[in-house]
Amino acid sequence: MSRRNAPEGGAVTTAMMFGGVLKHFRERTGLRQAELARQVPCDRSQVARVETGLGVPSDAFVSKCDEVLDTGGLLLELWGKVDWYPDVGHPNWFEHRAQMDAECVALREYQRHVIPGLLQTENYARALFATEPDKDEIEDRVRARLSRQQRFFSPSQPPLYVGLLEESCLRTVIGGAEVMREQCAHLLAAGERDNIRIQIVQAARPGIFRPTIPLSLITMPEGYDWIYWESLDRGHLTDAPAVFARQAQTYDVLRADALSAYESAELIGEFMKGYRQHGHHLAEEQLQRVQRRQLHRSGRGMAQEQLQRIQRRRLRRGEEDPDRDPGA
């Protein structure tokens, strides 16, 4: 069912109620939509869509609005209680997978060329569907895609998500430099969550064995494991233990060869900086400089540097240094 045909009292009403509260606090502080958007930051159109109940805000968007509008966390509390997607529809061949997203306890994904759907921003998803001639269909597909994300970004017991992304996911420009900058910022924010880890597989690294297609390893309650992959407009699922064991081993080896989550965040940040300052082409040049610096490091030097970063993080968090003499 599309959003425009949703029944009275459904998602439209709750979304509009949230938008009305946001508008009330914005007007109380004397800010225009464009002024609030600059402080979030986001496009003014995103603020307008949320206020009219036509857009679904992320938790990061709502948290920033709470801060800017001095609401004492009211907006984020209300956001967590709204069922934003009760009436979305998925393609028939994807329904089973979407249901698994709603029930799984862990999801490990490998993706090439494009950002995985569970990590896409609204603008990135809309740009992917831009060739669809029916504009209403575009909005329905975007809403359906974003609906899968809500559980993984929930503050209440979200499932584990590990995303292995080929570097090409950051290089492939979808929707222009500004959309890619926003997408990179979203990846960085997502990676800070306790239940989400994002790791980049560098294109320049030799000798890494990669799956030939994107795939998902899904762990359901009671320990049932499934593999999901796609071909054109078809989805495929199998729970064959031998197949899962083989693909899980491939995934785990690839994850070990990929950049760590912290190193991946640094690389994503370099892309974001390049997209913000220079657009696509200079972002590529800036990235190549970063990669040359990485290639010039010795293995020992990288290990020492990573150990120092870990120790600095532990000290910032107030954690005990395991190398310190307990009697000192």
Protein backbone atom coordinates (compact mmCIF):
# COMPACT_ATOMS: atom_id res chain seq x y z
CA MET A 1 0.00 0.00 0.00
CA SER A 2 1.37 3.41 -0.91
CA ARG A 3 1.66 6.25 1.54
CA ARG A 4 -0.88 8.38 -0.29
CA ASN A 5 -3.52 5.67 0.19
CA ALA A 6 -2.77 4.89 3.83
CA PRO A 7 -5.89 4.82 6.00
CA GLU A 8 -6.76 7.56 8.45
CA GLY A 9 -5.17 7.01 11.85
CA GLY A 10 -2.22 5.13 10.37
CA ALA A 11 1.35 6.16 9.73
CA VAL A 12 0.37 9.46 8.10
CA THR A 13 -1.32 10.67 11.28
CA THR A 14 1.55 9.79 13.60
CA ALA A 15 4.13 11.19 11.19
CA MET A 16 2.15 14.42 10.88
CA MET A 17 1.86 14.64 14.67
CA PHE A 18 5.63 14.36 15.01
CA GLY A 19 6.09 16.96 12.26
CA GLY A 20 3.71 19.29 14.03
CA VAL A 21 5.68 19.03 17.27
CA LEU A 22 8.93 19.72 15.42
CA LYS A 23 7.38 22.74 13.72
CA HIS A 24 6.07 24.05 17.06
CA PHE A 25 9.52 23.97 18.67
CA ARG A 26 11.17 25.44 15.56
CA GLU A 27 8.75 28.37 15.45
CA ARG A 28 9.02 28.86 19.22
CA THR A 29 12.76 29.46 18.81
CA GLY A 30 12.17 31.82 15.87
CA LEU A 31 14.02 29.68 13.32
CA ARG A 32 13.01 29.28 9.71
CA GLN A 33 13.22 25.89 8.02
CA ALA A 34 16.36 26.92 6.16
CA GLU A 35 18.01 28.13 9.38
CA LEU A 36 17.29 24.86 11.19
CA ALA A 37 18.52 22.94 8.16
CA ARG A 38 21.87 24.77 8.26
CA GLN A 39 22.39 23.79 11.88
CA VAL A 40 21.46 20.09 11.49
CA PRO A 41 22.90 20.19 8.71
CA CYS A 42 20.61 19.02 5.93
CA ASP A 43 18.57 20.36 3.01
CA ARG A 44 15.69 22.68 3.82
CA SER A 45 13.44 20.32 1.88
CA GLN A 46 14.19 17.57 4.41
CA VAL A 47 12.93 19.73 7.28
CA ALA A 48 9.84 20.58 5.23
CA ARG A 49 9.12 16.92 4.47
CA VAL A 50 9.42 15.92 8.12
CA GLU A 51 7.18 18.76 9.30
CA THR A 52 4.46 17.81 6.81
CA GLY A 53 4.66 14.10 7.62
CA LEU A 54 6.06 13.19 4.21
CA GLY A 55 9.62 12.42 5.33
CA VAL A 56 11.05 10.01 7.88
CA PRO A 57 13.83 11.55 9.98
CA SER A 58 16.86 9.62 11.17
CA ASP A 59 17.73 9.44 14.85
CA ALA A 60 20.79 11.62 14.15
CA PHE A 61 18.55 14.29 12.55
CA VAL A 62 16.15 14.21 15.52
CA SER A 63 18.97 14.31 18.09
CA LYS A 64 20.42 17.41 16.45
CA CYS A 65 16.98 19.07 16.37
CA ASP A 66 16.62 18.32 20.09
CA GLU A 67 19.94 20.07 20.67
CA VAL A 68 19.29 23.07 18.45
CA LEU A 69 15.70 23.61 19.62
CA ASP A 70 16.47 22.85 23.30
CA THR A 71 13.64 20.34 23.70
CA GLY A 72 15.28 18.30 26.45
CA GLY A 73 15.25 15.12 24.34
CA LEU A 74 11.49 15.17 23.77
CA LEU A 75 11.74 14.80 20.00
CA LEU A 76 13.99 11.73 20.17
CA GLU A 77 11.72 10.13 22.76
CA LEU A 78 8.70 10.74 20.52
CA TRP A 79 10.62 9.53 17.44
CA GLY A 80 11.24 6.17 19.10
CA LYS A 81 7.52 5.66 19.71
CA VAL A 82 6.33 6.38 16.18
CA ASP A 83 5.74 3.45 13.84
CA TRP A 84 6.92 5.13 10.68
CA TYR A 85 6.33 2.28 8.23
CA PRO A 86 3.21 0.23 9.00
CA ASP A 87 1.91 0.09 5.43
CA VAL A 88 4.97 -0.15 3.19
CA GLY A 89 5.10 -2.87 0.58
CA HIS A 90 8.10 -4.77 -0.78
CA PRO A 91 8.37 -6.66 -4.07
CA ASN A 92 6.97 -10.17 -3.73
CA TRP A 93 10.40 -11.75 -4.17
CA PHE A 94 11.81 -9.61 -1.34
CA GLU A 95 9.06 -10.05 1.24
CA HIS A 96 10.70 -13.02 2.96
CA ARG A 97 14.03 -11.23 3.28
CA ALA A 98 12.34 -8.09 4.64
CA GLN A 99 10.62 -10.22 7.27
CA MET A 100 13.99 -11.68 8.25
CA ASP A 101 15.34 -8.16 8.79
CA ALA A 102 12.50 -7.64 11.24
CA GLU A 103 13.34 -10.79 13.23
CA CYS A 104 17.07 -11.58 12.88
CA VAL A 105 19.55 -11.30 15.74
CA ALA A 106 22.58 -10.70 13.51
CA LEU A 107 23.16 -9.70 9.89
CA ARG A 108 26.49 -9.71 8.07
CA GLU A 109 26.53 -8.21 4.56
CA TYR A 110 29.00 -7.90 1.72
CA GLN A 111 28.31 -5.28 -0.95
CA ARG A 112 29.95 -4.05 -4.13
CA HIS A 113 29.53 -0.75 -6.01
CA VAL A 114 26.55 0.64 -4.04
CA ILE A 115 25.91 1.26 -0.34
CA PRO A 116 23.79 -1.51 1.25
CA GLY A 117 20.13 -0.63 1.61
CA LEU A 118 20.27 -0.78 5.40
CA LEU A 119 22.88 1.99 5.40
CA GLN A 120 21.49 4.27 2.69
CA THR A 121 20.30 7.80 3.31
CA GLU A 122 16.95 8.91 1.98
CA ASN A 123 18.56 11.08 -0.70
CA TYR A 124 20.92 8.29 -1.78
CA ALA A 125 18.05 5.81 -2.07
CA ARG A 126 15.95 8.32 -3.99
CA ALA A 127 18.81 8.93 -6.43
CA LEU A 128 19.12 5.18 -7.03
CA PHE A 129 15.45 5.03 -8.04
CA ALA A 130 15.53 8.28 -10.04
CA THR A 131 15.07 6.51 -13.39
CA GLU A 132 11.66 5.22 -12.30
CA PRO A 133 9.08 7.14 -14.42
CA ASP A 134 6.35 7.04 -11.75
CA LYS A 135 7.28 9.58 -9.06
CA ASP A 136 4.84 8.08 -6.58
CA GLU A 137 6.47 4.70 -7.15
CA ILE A 138 9.85 6.24 -6.35
CA GLU A 139 8.56 7.48 -2.99
CA ASP A 140 7.00 4.09 -2.21
CA ARG A 141 10.25 2.28 -2.99
CA VAL A 142 12.30 4.73 -0.93
CA ARG A 143 9.96 4.32 2.04
CA ALA A 144 10.07 0.55 1.72
CA ARG A 145 13.86 0.59 1.72
CA LEU A 146 14.13 2.94 4.69
CA SER A 147 11.56 0.92 6.62
CA ARG A 148 14.08 -1.91 6.98
CA GLN A 149 16.52 0.36 8.78
CA GLN A 150 14.38 1.38 11.75
CA ARG A 151 15.01 -1.76 13.81
CA PHE A 152 18.79 -1.64 13.33
CA PHE A 153 18.90 1.99 14.49
CA SER A 154 16.49 1.49 17.37
CA PRO A 155 17.79 2.41 20.85
CA SER A 156 16.16 -0.74 22.23
CA GLN A 157 18.08 -4.02 21.65
CA PRO A 158 18.92 -3.62 17.95
CA PRO A 159 20.43 -6.63 16.13
CA LEU A 160 24.11 -6.83 15.25
CA TYR A 161 24.98 -5.52 11.81
CA VAL A 162 28.38 -5.93 10.12
CA GLY A 163 28.81 -4.40 6.68
CA LEU A 164 31.78 -5.21 4.45
CA LEU A 165 31.84 -2.60 1.69
CA GLU A 166 34.11 -2.62 -1.31
CA GLU A 167 35.89 0.69 -1.80
CA SER A 168 33.90 1.06 -5.01
CA CYS A 169 30.81 1.73 -2.86
CA LEU A 170 32.44 5.03 -1.87
CA ARG A 171 33.82 5.77 -5.32
CA THR A 172 30.58 5.20 -7.25
CA VAL A 173 28.84 8.58 -7.25
CA ILE A 174 25.08 8.33 -6.75
CA GLY A 175 23.12 11.58 -6.90
CA GLY A 176 26.13 13.92 -6.97
CA ALA A 177 28.84 15.04 -4.59
CA GLU A 178 26.49 16.49 -1.94
CA VAL A 179 24.46 13.28 -1.74
CA MET A 180 27.69 11.30 -1.39
CA ARG A 181 28.98 13.65 1.33
CA GLU A 182 25.76 13.16 3.27
CA GLN A 183 25.98 9.41 2.73
CA CYS A 184 29.54 9.28 4.05
CA ALA A 185 28.51 11.27 7.11
CA HIS A 186 25.69 8.79 7.70
CA LEU A 187 28.11 5.85 7.49
CA LEU A 188 30.35 7.49 10.08
CA ALA A 189 27.42 8.10 12.42
CA ALA A 190 26.12 4.55 11.95
CA GLY A 191 29.55 3.09 12.68
CA GLU A 192 29.59 4.78 16.08
CA ARG A 193 26.63 2.70 17.25
CA ASP A 194 27.40 -0.26 19.49
CA ASN A 195 25.59 -2.75 17.23
CA ILE A 196 26.97 -1.61 13.85
CA ARG A 197 30.42 -2.18 12.36
CA ILE A 198 31.39 -0.97 8.89
CA GLN A 199 34.62 -2.12 7.24
CA ILE A 200 36.02 -1.15 3.85
CA VAL A 201 37.76 -3.61 1.54
CA GLN A 202 40.45 -1.60 -0.23
CA ALA A 203 40.65 -1.88 -4.00
CA ALA A 204 44.45 -1.61 -4.01
CA ARG A 205 45.03 -4.54 -1.67
CA PRO A 206 46.38 -7.54 -3.68
CA GLY A 207 45.66 -11.17 -2.95
CA ILE A 208 42.25 -10.68 -1.33
CA PHE A 209 39.60 -13.24 -2.27
CA ARG A 210 36.23 -11.58 -2.78
CA PRO A 211 32.80 -13.13 -3.32
CA THR A 212 31.64 -12.68 -6.90
CA ILE A 213 28.24 -11.30 -5.85
CA PRO A 214 26.84 -9.34 -2.90
CA LEU A 215 25.49 -11.59 -0.16
CA SER A 216 23.97 -11.54 3.31
CA LEU A 217 24.56 -13.97 6.18
CA ILE A 218 21.49 -13.90 8.41
CA THR A 219 21.27 -15.39 11.89
CA MET A 220 17.73 -15.88 13.11
CA PRO A 221 16.53 -16.57 16.65
CA GLU A 222 17.30 -20.07 17.96
CA GLY A 223 20.51 -20.03 15.91
CA TYR A 224 19.06 -20.73 12.44
CA ASP A 225 21.39 -19.43 9.69
CA TRP A 226 20.48 -18.34 6.17
CA ILE A 227 22.30 -16.95 3.14
CA TYR A 228 20.61 -14.42 0.87
CA TRP A 229 21.75 -13.20 -2.55
CA GLU A 230 20.14 -11.65 -5.64
CA SER A 231 20.18 -12.12 -9.38
CA LEU A 232 18.56 -9.37 -11.44
CA ASP A 233 15.04 -9.06 -9.95
CA ARG A 234 15.08 -12.28 -7.96
CA GLY A 235 16.08 -13.04 -4.41
CA HIS A 236 17.51 -16.39 -3.32
CA LEU A 237 17.65 -17.95 0.15
CA THR A 238 19.22 -21.14 1.40
CA ASP A 239 19.76 -22.63 4.84
CA ALA A 240 21.96 -25.50 3.64
CA PRO A 241 24.56 -25.90 6.44
CA ALA A 242 27.44 -26.75 4.08
CA VAL A 243 26.76 -23.71 1.88
CA PHE A 244 26.46 -21.40 4.87
CA ALA A 245 29.68 -22.72 6.44
CA ARG A 246 31.61 -22.20 3.20
CA GLN A 247 30.34 -18.66 2.62
CA ALA A 248 30.74 -17.72 6.30
CA GLN A 249 34.39 -18.75 6.15
CA THR A 250 34.90 -16.67 3.00
CA TYR A 251 33.24 -13.72 4.71
CA ASP A 252 35.30 -14.02 7.90
CA VAL A 253 38.59 -14.23 5.97
CA LEU A 254 37.63 -11.19 3.91
CA ARG A 255 36.68 -9.28 7.05
CA ALA A 256 40.11 -10.05 8.53
CA ASP A 257 41.78 -8.73 5.37
CA ALA A 258 39.65 -5.57 5.26
CA LEU A 259 40.46 -2.33 7.03
CA SER A 260 39.44 -2.27 10.68
CA ALA A 261 36.33 -0.33 11.61
CA TYR A 262 38.52 2.54 12.86
CA GLU A 263 40.69 2.61 9.73
CA SER A 264 37.55 2.38 7.60
CA ALA A 265 36.09 5.40 9.37
CA GLU A 266 39.26 7.36 8.55
CA LEU A 267 38.94 6.42 4.88
CA ILE A 268 35.23 7.28 4.78
CA GLY A 269 36.10 10.61 6.38
CA GLU A 270 38.63 11.34 3.64
CA PHE A 271 35.98 10.65 1.01
CA MET A 272 33.48 12.86 2.84
CA LYS A 273 36.02 15.69 3.04
CA GLY A 274 36.77 15.38 -0.66
CA TYR A 275 33.11 15.37 -1.66
CA ARG A 276 32.40 18.38 0.54
CA GLN A 277 35.32 20.50 -0.62
CA HIS A 278 35.98 19.50 -4.18
CA GLY A 279 33.36 17.19 -5.65
CA HIS A 280 33.98 13.79 -7.19
CA HIS A 281 37.19 14.23 -9.16
CA LEU A 282 39.25 15.92 -6.49
CA ALA A 283 37.85 13.48 -3.94
CA GLU A 284 39.44 10.73 -6.02
CA GLU A 285 42.78 12.59 -6.07
CA GLN A 286 42.68 13.14 -2.32
CA LEU A 287 41.90 9.48 -1.75
CA GLN A 288 44.82 8.39 -3.93
CA ARG A 289 47.17 10.48 -1.79
CA VAL A 290 45.83 8.80 1.35
CA GLN A 291 46.29 5.36 -0.19
CA ARG A 292 49.87 6.11 -1.20
CA ARG A 293 50.64 7.08 2.38
CA GLN A 294 49.09 3.81 3.58
CA LEU A 295 51.08 1.73 1.11
CA HIS A 296 54.33 3.34 2.24
CA ARG A 297 53.83 2.29 5.82
CA SER A 298 55.59 -0.85 6.91
CA GLY A 299 53.57 -3.68 8.38
CA ARG A 300 55.28 -3.15 11.72
CA GLY A 301 54.66 0.56 11.63
CA MET A 302 50.96 0.05 10.93
CA ALA A 303 50.67 -2.43 13.78
CA GLN A 304 52.37 -0.03 16.20
CA GLU A 305 50.21 2.84 15.04
CA GLN A 306 47.01 0.81 15.43
CA LEU A 307 48.08 -0.29 18.95
CA GLN A 308 48.71 3.33 19.90
CA ARG A 309 45.26 4.34 18.62
CA ILE A 310 43.63 1.57 20.65
CA GLN A 311 45.50 2.61 23.79
CA ARG A 312 44.52 6.27 23.29
CA ARG A 313 40.84 5.27 22.88
CA ARG A 314 40.98 3.20 26.06
CA LEU A 315 42.48 6.07 28.00
CA ARG A 316 39.81 8.47 26.71
CA ARG A 317 37.10 6.04 27.80
CA GLY A 318 38.71 5.60 31.20
CA GLU A 319 39.48 1.93 30.55
CA GLU A 320 42.41 0.22 32.25
CA ASP A 321 45.56 -0.17 30.15
CA PRO A 322 46.18 -3.95 30.02
CA ASP A 323 49.94 -3.34 29.68
CA ARG A 324 50.17 -1.27 32.87
CA ASP A 325 51.73 -2.88 35.94
CA PRO A 326 48.78 -3.25 38.36
CA GLY A 327 51.12 -2.57 41.26
CA ALA A 328 52.40 0.69 39.80
